[in-house]
Each structure stands twice: as C-alpha cells, then as structure tokens.
Amino acid sequence: MTTRTARKTQDSKSEILRAALELIRRSGAPSLTIDAVAEEAGFSKGGVLYNFPTKDALITGMVEFLAGQFEAEVAAAREGHLASQCPTLSAMIDVTEGWLRQNRDVARAMLATKADRPDLSEPFMHVKARLKAAIEAETDETAKALAIWASLEGLHFSEAHCVAIFSEEERAAVFQDLRKRLA
C-alpha cells in the first residue's frame, strides 16, 4: 500500500469514526447502525464495511480513536503547563473538564456496549498506564497526584454512569480546587 493510499484509508476511517461518534452524541447508542453511520459520514454502506467489516470493529475503532484523541489532547495541553509542578496532571484536569462537557453522551453510550465487550477498556488502560508513568516521573508527591487523578476519574465515571449530582457550577468549583491543590 502506498503512503498516499494509506493516508486516504486513514482519513476515511477517521471520517467514519467522527460520524459514528456524532451520531451517538446526537441520537444515542441505539442509533449506531452501519447504515446510519454510512449516511452520517456520506459513505456507501460498502465503504463503511470496507473500513470496519462489523459493528464490533466499528465500536472497537471508536474506542481506540477516543483513547488516542484523549492522549493527544493531554499531550497538547501539557505544553501549556510546563511550569506546573506536574504538567501531565495539570493537562489532564483541563482535558477532563472539556471532555465532561463535550463527550458526556459518548461516554454513556460506550458504557452500554462495554457490558458485552470488556476488552473495550484496553485502549484507555494503555493510555492511562502511559499517563501514570509520566505523572510519576514528574512529581515526588505521587499520592497527592493520584488522589487528584482519582477525583478526575470519579467525576468522569459519575457522568458516564448517569449518577452525577453536581451542578455545572459545583463541578467547575471542583476543577478549580483540583488545580489549586496541584499548584
């Protein structure tokens, strides 16, 4: 496969994955069908199936895409926090706050599919292992850093499990407090 063909295939996959995520964000997990994704992406059903031969392959691709997107956003945000005590964790606070606003519905939908597919956690577990190693390398206060991270995880999981009880203002205050604790 030539570099140009590989790039075009990767671009097509990314377009399909973005369309699938938008479909879930807008209409929920039950709306995720190959036909609906093809229509949303502007591809033929065969074009979607060429890139993702099954719905399971599409869901796996979506999780891998999201995990990569999260890691890339943390890496980009980290550049703005190089003066921080722990640049990676500072970036994770910012990125998690944004994801809770933007990807809440996607997290809930992915949770619904995870019951049948426990392997879907693997891409995020690999990302988290790399982030944990970076945090441990950046700070001598590992317990403090992990407590802050655990708070981020709790906020994220309460949203994904539809049991969040904080208002937008309360959640913003929590993020502000986490930033102060890290400073």
C-alpha atoms as a PDB file:
ATOM      1  CA  MET A   1       0.000   0.000   0.000  1.00  0.00           C
ATOM      2  CA  THR A   2       1.431   3.355  -0.973  1.00  0.00           C
ATOM      3  CA  THR A   3       1.769   6.174   1.525  1.00  0.00           C
ATOM      4  CA  ARG A   4      -0.930   8.139  -0.288  1.00  0.00           C
ATOM      5  CA  THR A   5      -3.353   5.188  -0.248  1.00  0.00           C
ATOM      6  CA  ALA A   6      -2.627   4.521   3.418  1.00  0.00           C
ATOM      7  CA  ARG A   7      -3.258   8.199   4.245  1.00  0.00           C
ATOM      8  CA  LYS A   8      -6.524   8.173   2.278  1.00  0.00           C
ATOM      9  CA  THR A   9      -7.643   4.985   4.067  1.00  0.00           C
ATOM     10  CA  GLN A  10      -6.760   6.521   7.444  1.00  0.00           C
ATOM     11  CA  ASP A  11      -8.644   9.718   6.522  1.00  0.00           C
ATOM     12  CA  SER A  12     -11.682   7.653   5.529  1.00  0.00           C
ATOM     13  CA  LYS A  13     -11.561   5.734   8.791  1.00  0.00           C
ATOM     14  CA  SER A  14     -11.303   8.967  10.775  1.00  0.00           C
ATOM     15  CA  GLU A  15     -14.267  10.468   8.897  1.00  0.00           C
ATOM     16  CA  ILE A  16     -16.350   7.372   9.577  1.00  0.00           C
ATOM     17  CA  LEU A  17     -15.383   7.323  13.264  1.00  0.00           C
ATOM     18  CA  ARG A  18     -16.167  11.016  13.695  1.00  0.00           C
ATOM     19  CA  ALA A  19     -19.540  10.482  12.039  1.00  0.00           C
ATOM     20  CA  ALA A  20     -20.283   7.479  14.286  1.00  0.00           C
ATOM     21  CA  LEU A  21     -19.383   9.481  17.390  1.00  0.00           C
ATOM     22  CA  GLU A  22     -21.533  12.403  16.271  1.00  0.00           C
ATOM     23  CA  LEU A  23     -24.422  10.029  15.620  1.00  0.00           C
ATOM     24  CA  ILE A  24     -24.118   8.619  19.154  1.00  0.00           C
ATOM     25  CA  ARG A  25     -23.723  12.100  20.628  1.00  0.00           C
ATOM     26  CA  ARG A  26     -26.852  13.316  18.882  1.00  0.00           C
ATOM     27  CA  SER A  27     -29.110  10.238  18.936  1.00  0.00           C
ATOM     28  CA  GLY A  28     -27.708   7.757  21.484  1.00  0.00           C
ATOM     29  CA  ALA A  29     -26.224   4.268  21.275  1.00  0.00           C
ATOM     30  CA  PRO A  30     -29.287   2.560  19.738  1.00  0.00           C
ATOM     31  CA  SER A  31     -28.856   4.746  16.648  1.00  0.00           C
ATOM     32  CA  LEU A  32     -25.477   3.192  15.864  1.00  0.00           C
ATOM     33  CA  THR A  33     -26.019   1.058  12.778  1.00  0.00           C
ATOM     34  CA  ILE A  34     -23.758   0.644   9.771  1.00  0.00           C
ATOM     35  CA  ASP A  35     -26.464   2.207   7.570  1.00  0.00           C
ATOM     36  CA  ALA A  36     -26.859   5.231   9.849  1.00  0.00           C
ATOM     37  CA  VAL A  37     -23.087   5.743  10.081  1.00  0.00           C
ATOM     38  CA  ALA A  38     -22.774   5.495   6.295  1.00  0.00           C
ATOM     39  CA  GLU A  39     -25.451   8.137   5.844  1.00  0.00           C
ATOM     40  CA  GLU A  40     -23.937  10.410   8.512  1.00  0.00           C
ATOM     41  CA  ALA A  41     -20.439  10.067   7.033  1.00  0.00           C
ATOM     42  CA  GLY A  42     -21.545  10.420   3.418  1.00  0.00           C
ATOM     43  CA  PHE A  43     -20.157   6.984   2.529  1.00  0.00           C
ATOM     44  CA  SER A  44     -21.818   3.995   0.981  1.00  0.00           C
ATOM     45  CA  LYS A  45     -22.581   1.098   3.300  1.00  0.00           C
ATOM     46  CA  GLY A  46     -19.889  -0.824   1.431  1.00  0.00           C
ATOM     47  CA  GLY A  47     -17.413   1.986   2.106  1.00  0.00           C
ATOM     48  CA  VAL A  48     -18.065   1.757   5.823  1.00  0.00           C
ATOM     49  CA  LEU A  49     -17.867  -2.035   5.759  1.00  0.00           C
ATOM     50  CA  TYR A  50     -14.596  -1.886   3.821  1.00  0.00           C
ATOM     51  CA  ASN A  51     -13.057   0.078   6.698  1.00  0.00           C
ATOM     52  CA  PHE A  52     -14.979  -1.616   9.531  1.00  0.00           C
ATOM     53  CA  PRO A  53     -16.225  -5.083   8.495  1.00  0.00           C
ATOM     54  CA  THR A  54     -18.548  -5.419  11.507  1.00  0.00           C
ATOM     55  CA  LYS A  55     -20.321  -3.231  14.002  1.00  0.00           C
ATOM     56  CA  ASP A  56     -17.958  -4.613  16.674  1.00  0.00           C
ATOM     57  CA  ALA A  57     -14.992  -3.495  14.568  1.00  0.00           C
ATOM     58  CA  LEU A  58     -16.559  -0.040  14.311  1.00  0.00           C
ATOM     59  CA  ILE A  59     -17.100   0.149  18.083  1.00  0.00           C
ATOM     60  CA  THR A  60     -13.525  -1.002  18.721  1.00  0.00           C
ATOM     61  CA  GLY A  61     -12.304   1.633  16.275  1.00  0.00           C
ATOM     62  CA  MET A  62     -14.345   4.286  18.070  1.00  0.00           C
ATOM     63  CA  VAL A  63     -12.845   3.407  21.458  1.00  0.00           C
ATOM     64  CA  GLU A  64      -9.316   3.360  20.042  1.00  0.00           C
ATOM     65  CA  PHE A  65      -9.985   6.698  18.334  1.00  0.00           C
ATOM     66  CA  LEU A  66     -11.288   8.256  21.560  1.00  0.00           C
ATOM     67  CA  ALA A  67      -8.361   6.934  23.600  1.00  0.00           C
ATOM     68  CA  GLY A  68      -5.903   8.335  21.064  1.00  0.00           C
ATOM     69  CA  GLN A  69      -7.769  11.630  20.954  1.00  0.00           C
ATOM     70  CA  PHE A  70      -7.699  11.940  24.756  1.00  0.00           C
ATOM     71  CA  GLU A  71      -3.966  11.196  24.885  1.00  0.00           C
ATOM     72  CA  ALA A  72      -3.251  13.672  22.065  1.00  0.00           C
ATOM     73  CA  GLU A  73      -5.272  16.391  23.794  1.00  0.00           C
ATOM     74  CA  VAL A  74      -3.396  15.809  27.058  1.00  0.00           C
ATOM     75  CA  ALA A  75      -0.071  15.996  25.207  1.00  0.00           C
ATOM     76  CA  ALA A  76      -1.088  19.260  23.527  1.00  0.00           C
ATOM     77  CA  ALA A  77      -2.425  20.783  26.759  1.00  0.00           C
ATOM     78  CA  ARG A  78       0.725  19.683  28.603  1.00  0.00           C
ATOM     79  CA  GLU A  79       2.751  22.169  26.566  1.00  0.00           C
ATOM     80  CA  GLY A  80       0.842  24.997  28.243  1.00  0.00           C
ATOM     81  CA  HIS A  81       1.609  23.625  31.705  1.00  0.00           C
ATOM     82  CA  LEU A  82       5.364  23.059  31.558  1.00  0.00           C
ATOM     83  CA  ALA A  83       5.884  25.410  34.515  1.00  0.00           C
ATOM     84  CA  SER A  84       3.446  23.348  36.609  1.00  0.00           C
ATOM     85  CA  GLN A  85       4.556  21.017  39.375  1.00  0.00           C
ATOM     86  CA  CYS A  86       3.106  18.160  37.293  1.00  0.00           C
ATOM     87  CA  PRO A  87       2.450  19.199  33.674  1.00  0.00           C
ATOM     88  CA  THR A  88       0.744  15.959  32.649  1.00  0.00           C
ATOM     89  CA  LEU A  89      -1.740  16.017  35.525  1.00  0.00           C
ATOM     90  CA  SER A  90      -2.413  19.738  35.014  1.00  0.00           C
ATOM     91  CA  ALA A  91      -3.209  18.964  31.390  1.00  0.00           C
ATOM     92  CA  MET A  92      -5.430  16.055  32.409  1.00  0.00           C
ATOM     93  CA  ILE A  93      -7.502  18.385  34.607  1.00  0.00           C
ATOM     94  CA  ASP A  94      -8.090  20.723  31.665  1.00  0.00           C
ATOM     95  CA  VAL A  95      -8.821  17.962  29.174  1.00  0.00           C
ATOM     96  CA  THR A  96     -11.126  16.051  31.531  1.00  0.00           C
ATOM     97  CA  GLU A  97     -13.114  19.210  32.233  1.00  0.00           C
ATOM     98  CA  GLY A  98     -13.588  19.727  28.493  1.00  0.00           C
ATOM     99  CA  TRP A  99     -14.457  16.096  27.838  1.00  0.00           C
ATOM    100  CA  LEU A 100     -17.149  16.122  30.500  1.00  0.00           C
ATOM    101  CA  ARG A 101     -18.826  18.963  28.635  1.00  0.00           C
ATOM    102  CA  GLN A 102     -18.309  17.616  25.109  1.00  0.00           C
ATOM    103  CA  ASN A 103     -18.245  13.820  25.318  1.00  0.00           C
ATOM    104  CA  ARG A 104     -20.706  13.022  28.102  1.00  0.00           C
ATOM    105  CA  ASP A 105     -23.219  11.291  25.812  1.00  0.00           C
ATOM    106  CA  VAL A 106     -20.494   9.326  24.070  1.00  0.00           C
ATOM    107  CA  ALA A 107     -19.148   8.032  27.400  1.00  0.00           C
ATOM    108  CA  ARG A 108     -22.626   6.881  28.384  1.00  0.00           C
ATOM    109  CA  ALA A 109     -23.141   5.120  25.060  1.00  0.00           C
ATOM    110  CA  MET A 110     -19.768   3.406  25.203  1.00  0.00           C
ATOM    111  CA  LEU A 111     -20.531   2.210  28.722  1.00  0.00           C
ATOM    112  CA  ALA A 112     -23.636   0.484  27.409  1.00  0.00           C
ATOM    113  CA  THR A 113     -21.578  -1.509  24.910  1.00  0.00           C
ATOM    114  CA  LYS A 114     -18.848  -2.384  27.420  1.00  0.00           C
ATOM    115  CA  ALA A 115     -21.051  -4.866  29.274  1.00  0.00           C
ATOM    116  CA  ASP A 116     -20.810  -7.225  26.307  1.00  0.00           C
ATOM    117  CA  ARG A 117     -17.226  -6.273  25.432  1.00  0.00           C
ATOM    118  CA  PRO A 118     -14.936  -5.956  28.476  1.00  0.00           C
ATOM    119  CA  ASP A 119     -11.963  -5.714  26.096  1.00  0.00           C
ATOM    120  CA  LEU A 120     -13.110  -2.210  25.137  1.00  0.00           C
ATOM    121  CA  SER A 121     -11.283  -0.858  28.197  1.00  0.00           C
ATOM    122  CA  GLU A 122      -7.885  -1.891  26.868  1.00  0.00           C
ATOM    123  CA  PRO A 123      -7.108   1.168  24.698  1.00  0.00           C
ATOM    124  CA  PHE A 124      -7.879   3.520  27.583  1.00  0.00           C
ATOM    125  CA  MET A 125      -5.962   1.335  30.040  1.00  0.00           C
ATOM    126  CA  HIS A 126      -2.858   1.602  27.835  1.00  0.00           C
ATOM    127  CA  VAL A 127      -3.240   5.378  27.660  1.00  0.00           C
ATOM    128  CA  LYS A 128      -3.741   5.593  31.410  1.00  0.00           C
ATOM    129  CA  ALA A 129      -0.637   3.490  32.049  1.00  0.00           C
ATOM    130  CA  ARG A 130       1.436   5.888  29.952  1.00  0.00           C
ATOM    131  CA  LEU A 131      -0.086   8.921  31.683  1.00  0.00           C
ATOM    132  CA  LYS A 132       0.548   7.391  35.114  1.00  0.00           C
ATOM    133  CA  ALA A 133       4.195   6.779  34.230  1.00  0.00           C
ATOM    134  CA  ALA A 134       4.542  10.396  33.068  1.00  0.00           C
ATOM    135  CA  ILE A 135       2.954  11.705  36.265  1.00  0.00           C
ATOM    136  CA  GLU A 136       5.183   9.537  38.448  1.00  0.00           C
ATOM    137  CA  ALA A 137       8.236  10.851  36.582  1.00  0.00           C
ATOM    138  CA  GLU A 138       7.132  14.472  37.066  1.00  0.00           C
ATOM    139  CA  THR A 139       6.368  14.584  40.775  1.00  0.00           C
ATOM    140  CA  ASP A 140       7.705  13.402  44.102  1.00  0.00           C
ATOM    141  CA  GLU A 141       4.198  13.715  45.536  1.00  0.00           C
ATOM    142  CA  THR A 142       2.760  10.651  43.859  1.00  0.00           C
ATOM    143  CA  ALA A 143      -0.004  10.053  46.410  1.00  0.00           C
ATOM    144  CA  LYS A 144      -1.226  13.649  46.051  1.00  0.00           C
ATOM    145  CA  ALA A 145      -1.152  13.386  42.258  1.00  0.00           C
ATOM    146  CA  LEU A 146      -3.018  10.081  42.279  1.00  0.00           C
ATOM    147  CA  ALA A 147      -5.660  11.498  44.642  1.00  0.00           C
ATOM    148  CA  ILE A 148      -6.243  14.352  42.194  1.00  0.00           C
ATOM    149  CA  TRP A 149      -6.411  11.873  39.332  1.00  0.00           C
ATOM    150  CA  ALA A 150      -8.866   9.715  41.300  1.00  0.00           C
ATOM    151  CA  SER A 151     -11.080  12.789  41.661  1.00  0.00           C
ATOM    152  CA  LEU A 152     -10.999  13.268  37.883  1.00  0.00           C
ATOM    153  CA  GLU A 153     -11.898   9.623  37.377  1.00  0.00           C
ATOM    154  CA  GLY A 154     -14.771   9.913  39.842  1.00  0.00           C
ATOM    155  CA  LEU A 155     -16.188  12.924  38.021  1.00  0.00           C
ATOM    156  CA  HIS A 156     -15.892  11.141  34.700  1.00  0.00           C
ATOM    157  CA  PHE A 157     -17.414   7.873  35.847  1.00  0.00           C
ATOM    158  CA  SER A 158     -20.303   9.522  37.680  1.00  0.00           C
ATOM    159  CA  GLU A 159     -21.198  11.244  34.398  1.00  0.00           C
ATOM    160  CA  ALA A 160     -20.804   8.043  32.364  1.00  0.00           C
ATOM    161  CA  HIS A 161     -22.970   6.102  34.832  1.00  0.00           C
ATOM    162  CA  CYS A 162     -25.613   8.861  34.918  1.00  0.00           C
ATOM    163  CA  VAL A 163     -25.226   9.345  38.667  1.00  0.00           C
ATOM    164  CA  ALA A 164     -23.596  12.780  38.694  1.00  0.00           C
ATOM    165  CA  ILE A 165     -25.199  15.064  41.260  1.00  0.00           C
ATOM    166  CA  PHE A 166     -23.074  18.190  40.856  1.00  0.00           C
ATOM    167  CA  SER A 167     -24.383  21.266  39.084  1.00  0.00           C
ATOM    168  CA  GLU A 168     -22.225  22.819  36.377  1.00  0.00           C
ATOM    169  CA  GLU A 169     -21.102  25.462  38.889  1.00  0.00           C
ATOM    170  CA  GLU A 170     -20.220  22.861  41.542  1.00  0.00           C
ATOM    171  CA  ARG A 171     -18.278  20.802  39.023  1.00  0.00           C
ATOM    172  CA  ALA A 172     -16.390  23.916  37.867  1.00  0.00           C
ATOM    173  CA  ALA A 173     -15.547  24.650  41.516  1.00  0.00           C
ATOM    174  CA  VAL A 174     -14.203  21.106  41.942  1.00  0.00           C
ATOM    175  CA  PHE A 175     -11.940  21.514  38.908  1.00  0.00           C
ATOM    176  CA  GLN A 176     -10.731  24.857  40.250  1.00  0.00           C
ATOM    177  CA  ASP A 177      -9.959  23.257  43.616  1.00  0.00           C
ATOM    178  CA  LEU A 178      -8.047  20.412  41.945  1.00  0.00           C
ATOM    179  CA  ARG A 179      -5.939  22.996  40.107  1.00  0.00           C
ATOM    180  CA  LYS A 180      -5.196  24.767  43.416  1.00  0.00           C
ATOM    181  CA  ARG A 181      -4.245  21.501  45.117  1.00  0.00           C
ATOM    182  CA  LEU A 182      -1.785  20.788  42.337  1.00  0.00           C
ATOM    183  CA  ALA A 183      -0.216  24.252  42.470  1.00  0.00           C
END
